[in-house]
Amino acid sequence: MSILPAILLSLTFVALLAFAFRRVNSGAIDSRKPAENADHKFGEAGTYYRGRVIGHDGAVHDALFTADQLSVAIERAQRNPEDVG
């Protein structure tokens, strides 16, 4: 009996976990890299900041935040350090 199938299965599992971990954790919002609003309409922000949000169901959702929304969130976290991490 060959051990090769077990090794291949283990490597595949590790690769899938690494991909899932990277996808979920690659959502840090980098305020140095705004995304231009490609179809800018009156009243909309000209730029957004990309991030990812994990929903209650575990699904990963792309999200766009304005500079003001980021400022509010950062200020909220600074006022409530007991609720962060």
C-alpha atoms as a PDB file:
ATOM      1  CA  MET A   1       0.000   0.000   0.000  1.00  0.00           C
ATOM      2  CA  SER A   2       1.436   3.324  -1.073  1.00  0.00           C
ATOM      3  CA  ILE A   3       1.598   6.328   1.238  1.00  0.00           C
ATOM      4  CA  LEU A   4       1.634   8.698  -1.759  1.00  0.00           C
ATOM      5  CA  PRO A   5      -2.169   9.248  -1.893  1.00  0.00           C
ATOM      6  CA  ALA A   6      -2.217  10.224   1.784  1.00  0.00           C
ATOM      7  CA  ILE A   7       0.651  12.660   1.266  1.00  0.00           C
ATOM      8  CA  LEU A   8      -1.051  14.230  -1.766  1.00  0.00           C
ATOM      9  CA  LEU A   9      -4.326  14.557   0.120  1.00  0.00           C
ATOM     10  CA  SER A  10      -2.547  16.202   3.057  1.00  0.00           C
ATOM     11  CA  LEU A  11      -0.713  18.652   0.795  1.00  0.00           C
ATOM     12  CA  THR A  12      -3.958  19.538  -0.998  1.00  0.00           C
ATOM     13  CA  PHE A  13      -5.664  20.179   2.330  1.00  0.00           C
ATOM     14  CA  VAL A  14      -2.813  22.402   3.529  1.00  0.00           C
ATOM     15  CA  ALA A  15      -2.870  24.344   0.238  1.00  0.00           C
ATOM     16  CA  LEU A  16      -6.629  24.907   0.518  1.00  0.00           C
ATOM     17  CA  LEU A  17      -6.286  26.107   4.098  1.00  0.00           C
ATOM     18  CA  ALA A  18      -3.477  28.473   3.127  1.00  0.00           C
ATOM     19  CA  PHE A  19      -5.575  29.884   0.267  1.00  0.00           C
ATOM     20  CA  ALA A  20      -8.617  30.379   2.516  1.00  0.00           C
ATOM     21  CA  PHE A  21      -6.506  31.977   5.249  1.00  0.00           C
ATOM     22  CA  ARG A  22      -4.896  34.342   2.738  1.00  0.00           C
ATOM     23  CA  ARG A  23      -8.268  35.303   1.241  1.00  0.00           C
ATOM     24  CA  VAL A  24      -9.809  36.117   4.617  1.00  0.00           C
ATOM     25  CA  ASN A  25      -6.785  37.875   6.088  1.00  0.00           C
ATOM     26  CA  SER A  26      -5.847  39.860   3.009  1.00  0.00           C
ATOM     27  CA  GLY A  27      -8.586  42.338   3.799  1.00  0.00           C
ATOM     28  CA  ALA A  28      -6.549  44.887   5.725  1.00  0.00           C
ATOM     29  CA  ILE A  29      -7.567  48.335   4.571  1.00  0.00           C
ATOM     30  CA  ASP A  30      -4.583  50.247   3.271  1.00  0.00           C
ATOM     31  CA  SER A  31      -5.438  53.944   3.409  1.00  0.00           C
ATOM     32  CA  ARG A  32      -2.398  54.654   1.234  1.00  0.00           C
ATOM     33  CA  LYS A  33      -4.111  52.930  -1.704  1.00  0.00           C
ATOM     34  CA  PRO A  34      -7.516  54.418  -2.467  1.00  0.00           C
ATOM     35  CA  ALA A  35      -9.521  52.970  -5.343  1.00  0.00           C
ATOM     36  CA  GLU A  36     -10.932  55.449  -7.823  1.00  0.00           C
ATOM     37  CA  ASN A  37     -14.705  55.399  -8.200  1.00  0.00           C
ATOM     38  CA  ALA A  38     -14.815  54.242 -11.814  1.00  0.00           C
ATOM     39  CA  ASP A  39     -18.401  55.342 -12.476  1.00  0.00           C
ATOM     40  CA  HIS A  40     -18.476  58.454 -10.296  1.00  0.00           C
ATOM     41  CA  LYS A  41     -21.900  60.061  -9.968  1.00  0.00           C
ATOM     42  CA  PHE A  42     -22.885  63.346  -8.350  1.00  0.00           C
ATOM     43  CA  GLY A  43     -22.823  63.073  -4.558  1.00  0.00           C
ATOM     44  CA  GLU A  44     -20.647  59.969  -4.466  1.00  0.00           C
ATOM     45  CA  ALA A  45     -17.118  59.827  -3.128  1.00  0.00           C
ATOM     46  CA  GLY A  46     -14.393  60.071  -5.735  1.00  0.00           C
ATOM     47  CA  THR A  47     -12.343  57.376  -4.025  1.00  0.00           C
ATOM     48  CA  TYR A  48     -13.004  54.395  -1.796  1.00  0.00           C
ATOM     49  CA  TYR A  49     -10.870  52.155   0.373  1.00  0.00           C
ATOM     50  CA  ARG A  50     -11.193  48.419  -0.211  1.00  0.00           C
ATOM     51  CA  GLY A  51     -11.537  45.852   2.515  1.00  0.00           C
ATOM     52  CA  ARG A  52     -13.136  42.524   3.290  1.00  0.00           C
ATOM     53  CA  VAL A  53     -15.790  41.698   5.850  1.00  0.00           C
ATOM     54  CA  ILE A  54     -16.563  38.215   7.139  1.00  0.00           C
ATOM     55  CA  GLY A  55     -20.329  37.849   7.499  1.00  0.00           C
ATOM     56  CA  HIS A  56     -22.199  36.001  10.232  1.00  0.00           C
ATOM     57  CA  ASP A  57     -22.434  33.031   7.895  1.00  0.00           C
ATOM     58  CA  GLY A  58     -18.649  32.980   7.374  1.00  0.00           C
ATOM     59  CA  ALA A  59     -18.882  34.300   3.814  1.00  0.00           C
ATOM     60  CA  VAL A  60     -16.263  36.854   2.809  1.00  0.00           C
ATOM     61  CA  HIS A  61     -17.664  40.062   1.313  1.00  0.00           C
ATOM     62  CA  ASP A  62     -15.776  42.828  -0.460  1.00  0.00           C
ATOM     63  CA  ALA A  63     -16.496  46.257   1.019  1.00  0.00           C
ATOM     64  CA  LEU A  64     -15.796  49.863   0.063  1.00  0.00           C
ATOM     65  CA  PHE A  65     -15.362  52.591   2.672  1.00  0.00           C
ATOM     66  CA  THR A  66     -15.055  56.350   2.314  1.00  0.00           C
ATOM     67  CA  ALA A  67     -12.295  58.289   4.065  1.00  0.00           C
ATOM     68  CA  ASP A  68     -14.901  59.649   6.504  1.00  0.00           C
ATOM     69  CA  GLN A  69     -16.138  56.154   7.343  1.00  0.00           C
ATOM     70  CA  LEU A  70     -12.576  55.050   8.074  1.00  0.00           C
ATOM     71  CA  SER A  71     -12.002  58.096  10.299  1.00  0.00           C
ATOM     72  CA  VAL A  72     -15.173  57.394  12.290  1.00  0.00           C
ATOM     73  CA  ALA A  73     -14.219  53.737  12.742  1.00  0.00           C
ATOM     74  CA  ILE A  74     -10.667  54.585  13.839  1.00  0.00           C
ATOM     75  CA  GLU A  75     -11.907  57.188  16.323  1.00  0.00           C
ATOM     76  CA  ARG A  76     -14.461  54.699  17.706  1.00  0.00           C
ATOM     77  CA  ALA A  77     -11.737  52.095  18.236  1.00  0.00           C
ATOM     78  CA  GLN A  78      -9.513  54.661  19.963  1.00  0.00           C
ATOM     79  CA  ARG A  79     -12.339  55.630  22.328  1.00  0.00           C
ATOM     80  CA  ASN A  80     -13.104  51.972  23.106  1.00  0.00           C
ATOM     81  CA  PRO A  81      -9.762  50.134  23.361  1.00  0.00           C
ATOM     82  CA  GLU A  82     -11.372  47.466  25.542  1.00  0.00           C
ATOM     83  CA  ASP A  83     -13.427  46.358  22.519  1.00  0.00           C
ATOM     84  CA  VAL A  84     -10.502  46.050  20.103  1.00  0.00           C
ATOM     85  CA  GLY A  85      -8.771  42.737  19.504  1.00  0.00           C
END
